[in-house]
Amino acid sequence: MSDAYILFPSVHHVLKAEQTVNKHKLQVEMVPVPRALSSDCGIAARTTVSRLPEILRVLAGRDVKPEAVFIEKNKRLVRYEEPAS
């Protein structure tokens, strides 16, 4: 199963995101931002691609806006674009 990485603009946003997903009993793991995405020391939320839409929906409902979302495809990280409704 492929991983998805949700990046946030600040540590404050990361903490709010973690609190929100934990409250909804969704599975994410806070990990360092992969080097392929940034050389900064940051934290990203890692989850599976299959759980990503639900997690993004829950975060949006609490006004937690990710800076970017990337998914693993063919061993590469590519930017995720939400499907149009």
C-alpha atoms as a PDB file:
ATOM      1  CA  MET A   1       0.000   0.000   0.000  1.00  0.00           C
ATOM      2  CA  SER A   2       1.329   3.450  -0.901  1.00  0.00           C
ATOM      3  CA  ASP A   3       2.041   6.144   1.645  1.00  0.00           C
ATOM      4  CA  ALA A   4       0.789   9.707   1.583  1.00  0.00           C
ATOM      5  CA  TYR A   5       2.531  12.650   3.250  1.00  0.00           C
ATOM      6  CA  ILE A   6       0.623  15.707   4.429  1.00  0.00           C
ATOM      7  CA  LEU A   7       2.815  18.789   4.950  1.00  0.00           C
ATOM      8  CA  PHE A   8       1.823  21.794   7.031  1.00  0.00           C
ATOM      9  CA  PRO A   9       3.042  25.406   7.093  1.00  0.00           C
ATOM     10  CA  SER A  10       4.012  25.409  10.785  1.00  0.00           C
ATOM     11  CA  VAL A  11       4.450  23.267  13.872  1.00  0.00           C
ATOM     12  CA  HIS A  12       1.246  24.811  15.226  1.00  0.00           C
ATOM     13  CA  HIS A  13      -0.655  23.370  12.240  1.00  0.00           C
ATOM     14  CA  VAL A  14       1.011  19.975  12.709  1.00  0.00           C
ATOM     15  CA  LEU A  15      -0.074  19.834  16.347  1.00  0.00           C
ATOM     16  CA  LYS A  16      -3.628  20.890  15.507  1.00  0.00           C
ATOM     17  CA  ALA A  17      -3.767  18.279  12.733  1.00  0.00           C
ATOM     18  CA  GLU A  18      -2.485  15.560  15.047  1.00  0.00           C
ATOM     19  CA  GLN A  19      -5.043  16.472  17.711  1.00  0.00           C
ATOM     20  CA  THR A  20      -7.848  16.498  15.122  1.00  0.00           C
ATOM     21  CA  VAL A  21      -7.070  13.123  13.551  1.00  0.00           C
ATOM     22  CA  ASN A  22      -6.539  11.489  16.949  1.00  0.00           C
ATOM     23  CA  LYS A  23      -9.917  12.789  18.083  1.00  0.00           C
ATOM     24  CA  HIS A  24     -11.523  11.098  15.046  1.00  0.00           C
ATOM     25  CA  LYS A  25      -9.499   7.905  15.623  1.00  0.00           C
ATOM     26  CA  LEU A  26      -7.852   8.138  12.202  1.00  0.00           C
ATOM     27  CA  GLN A  27      -4.456   6.567  11.710  1.00  0.00           C
ATOM     28  CA  VAL A  28      -1.576   8.890  10.925  1.00  0.00           C
ATOM     29  CA  GLU A  29       2.022   8.900  12.018  1.00  0.00           C
ATOM     30  CA  MET A  30       3.987  12.096  12.519  1.00  0.00           C
ATOM     31  CA  VAL A  31       7.340  11.710  10.756  1.00  0.00           C
ATOM     32  CA  PRO A  32      10.149  13.951   9.504  1.00  0.00           C
ATOM     33  CA  VAL A  33       9.400  15.477   6.112  1.00  0.00           C
ATOM     34  CA  PRO A  34      11.091  13.234   3.515  1.00  0.00           C
ATOM     35  CA  ARG A  35      14.351  14.686   2.175  1.00  0.00           C
ATOM     36  CA  ALA A  36      13.001  14.379  -1.353  1.00  0.00           C
ATOM     37  CA  LEU A  37      10.410  17.032  -0.445  1.00  0.00           C
ATOM     38  CA  SER A  38      12.349  19.477   1.715  1.00  0.00           C
ATOM     39  CA  SER A  39      15.758  19.963   3.261  1.00  0.00           C
ATOM     40  CA  ASP A  40      14.146  21.808   6.189  1.00  0.00           C
ATOM     41  CA  CYS A  41      13.634  20.047   9.469  1.00  0.00           C
ATOM     42  CA  GLY A  42       9.881  19.688   9.469  1.00  0.00           C
ATOM     43  CA  ILE A  43       7.181  17.245  10.447  1.00  0.00           C
ATOM     44  CA  ALA A  44       4.652  15.622   8.145  1.00  0.00           C
ATOM     45  CA  ALA A  45       1.678  13.380   8.755  1.00  0.00           C
ATOM     46  CA  ARG A  46       2.095  10.014   7.031  1.00  0.00           C
ATOM     47  CA  THR A  47      -0.875   7.794   6.223  1.00  0.00           C
ATOM     48  CA  THR A  48      -2.016   5.453   3.486  1.00  0.00           C
ATOM     49  CA  VAL A  49      -3.378   6.737   0.202  1.00  0.00           C
ATOM     50  CA  SER A  50      -6.652   4.902   0.865  1.00  0.00           C
ATOM     51  CA  ARG A  51      -7.226   6.899   4.090  1.00  0.00           C
ATOM     52  CA  LEU A  52      -6.149  10.230   2.621  1.00  0.00           C
ATOM     53  CA  PRO A  53      -9.551  11.555   1.401  1.00  0.00           C
ATOM     54  CA  GLU A  54     -11.182  10.997   4.807  1.00  0.00           C
ATOM     55  CA  ILE A  55      -8.283  12.604   6.668  1.00  0.00           C
ATOM     56  CA  LEU A  56      -8.300  15.646   4.375  1.00  0.00           C
ATOM     57  CA  ARG A  57     -12.069  15.978   4.827  1.00  0.00           C
ATOM     58  CA  VAL A  58     -11.764  15.878   8.628  1.00  0.00           C
ATOM     59  CA  LEU A  59      -8.908  18.414   8.592  1.00  0.00           C
ATOM     60  CA  ALA A  60     -10.878  20.755   6.329  1.00  0.00           C
ATOM     61  CA  GLY A  61     -13.829  20.535   8.718  1.00  0.00           C
ATOM     62  CA  ARG A  62     -11.562  21.879  11.497  1.00  0.00           C
ATOM     63  CA  ASP A  63     -10.003  24.523   9.219  1.00  0.00           C
ATOM     64  CA  VAL A  64      -6.590  22.816   9.224  1.00  0.00           C
ATOM     65  CA  LYS A  65      -5.141  23.475   5.781  1.00  0.00           C
ATOM     66  CA  PRO A  66      -2.191  21.414   4.585  1.00  0.00           C
ATOM     67  CA  GLU A  67       0.564  23.221   2.739  1.00  0.00           C
ATOM     68  CA  ALA A  68       0.929  20.293   0.320  1.00  0.00           C
ATOM     69  CA  VAL A  69       0.112  16.612  -0.009  1.00  0.00           C
ATOM     70  CA  PHE A  70       2.310  14.036  -1.722  1.00  0.00           C
ATOM     71  CA  ILE A  71       1.703  10.384  -2.524  1.00  0.00           C
ATOM     72  CA  GLU A  72       4.094   7.593  -3.398  1.00  0.00           C
ATOM     73  CA  LYS A  73       3.852   6.431  -7.004  1.00  0.00           C
ATOM     74  CA  ASN A  74       6.408   4.084  -8.508  1.00  0.00           C
ATOM     75  CA  LYS A  75       8.814   4.776  -5.625  1.00  0.00           C
ATOM     76  CA  ARG A  76       8.588   8.541  -6.242  1.00  0.00           C
ATOM     77  CA  LEU A  77       6.710  11.232  -4.345  1.00  0.00           C
ATOM     78  CA  VAL A  78       4.276  13.204  -6.497  1.00  0.00           C
ATOM     79  CA  ARG A  79       1.955  16.052  -5.570  1.00  0.00           C
ATOM     80  CA  TYR A  80      -1.592  14.910  -4.814  1.00  0.00           C
ATOM     81  CA  GLU A  81      -4.420  16.861  -6.345  1.00  0.00           C
ATOM     82  CA  GLU A  82      -7.846  16.266  -4.833  1.00  0.00           C
ATOM     83  CA  PRO A  83     -10.419  15.052  -7.352  1.00  0.00           C
ATOM     84  CA  ALA A  84     -12.964  17.673  -8.348  1.00  0.00           C
ATOM     85  CA  SER A  85     -16.333  17.203  -6.657  1.00  0.00           C
END
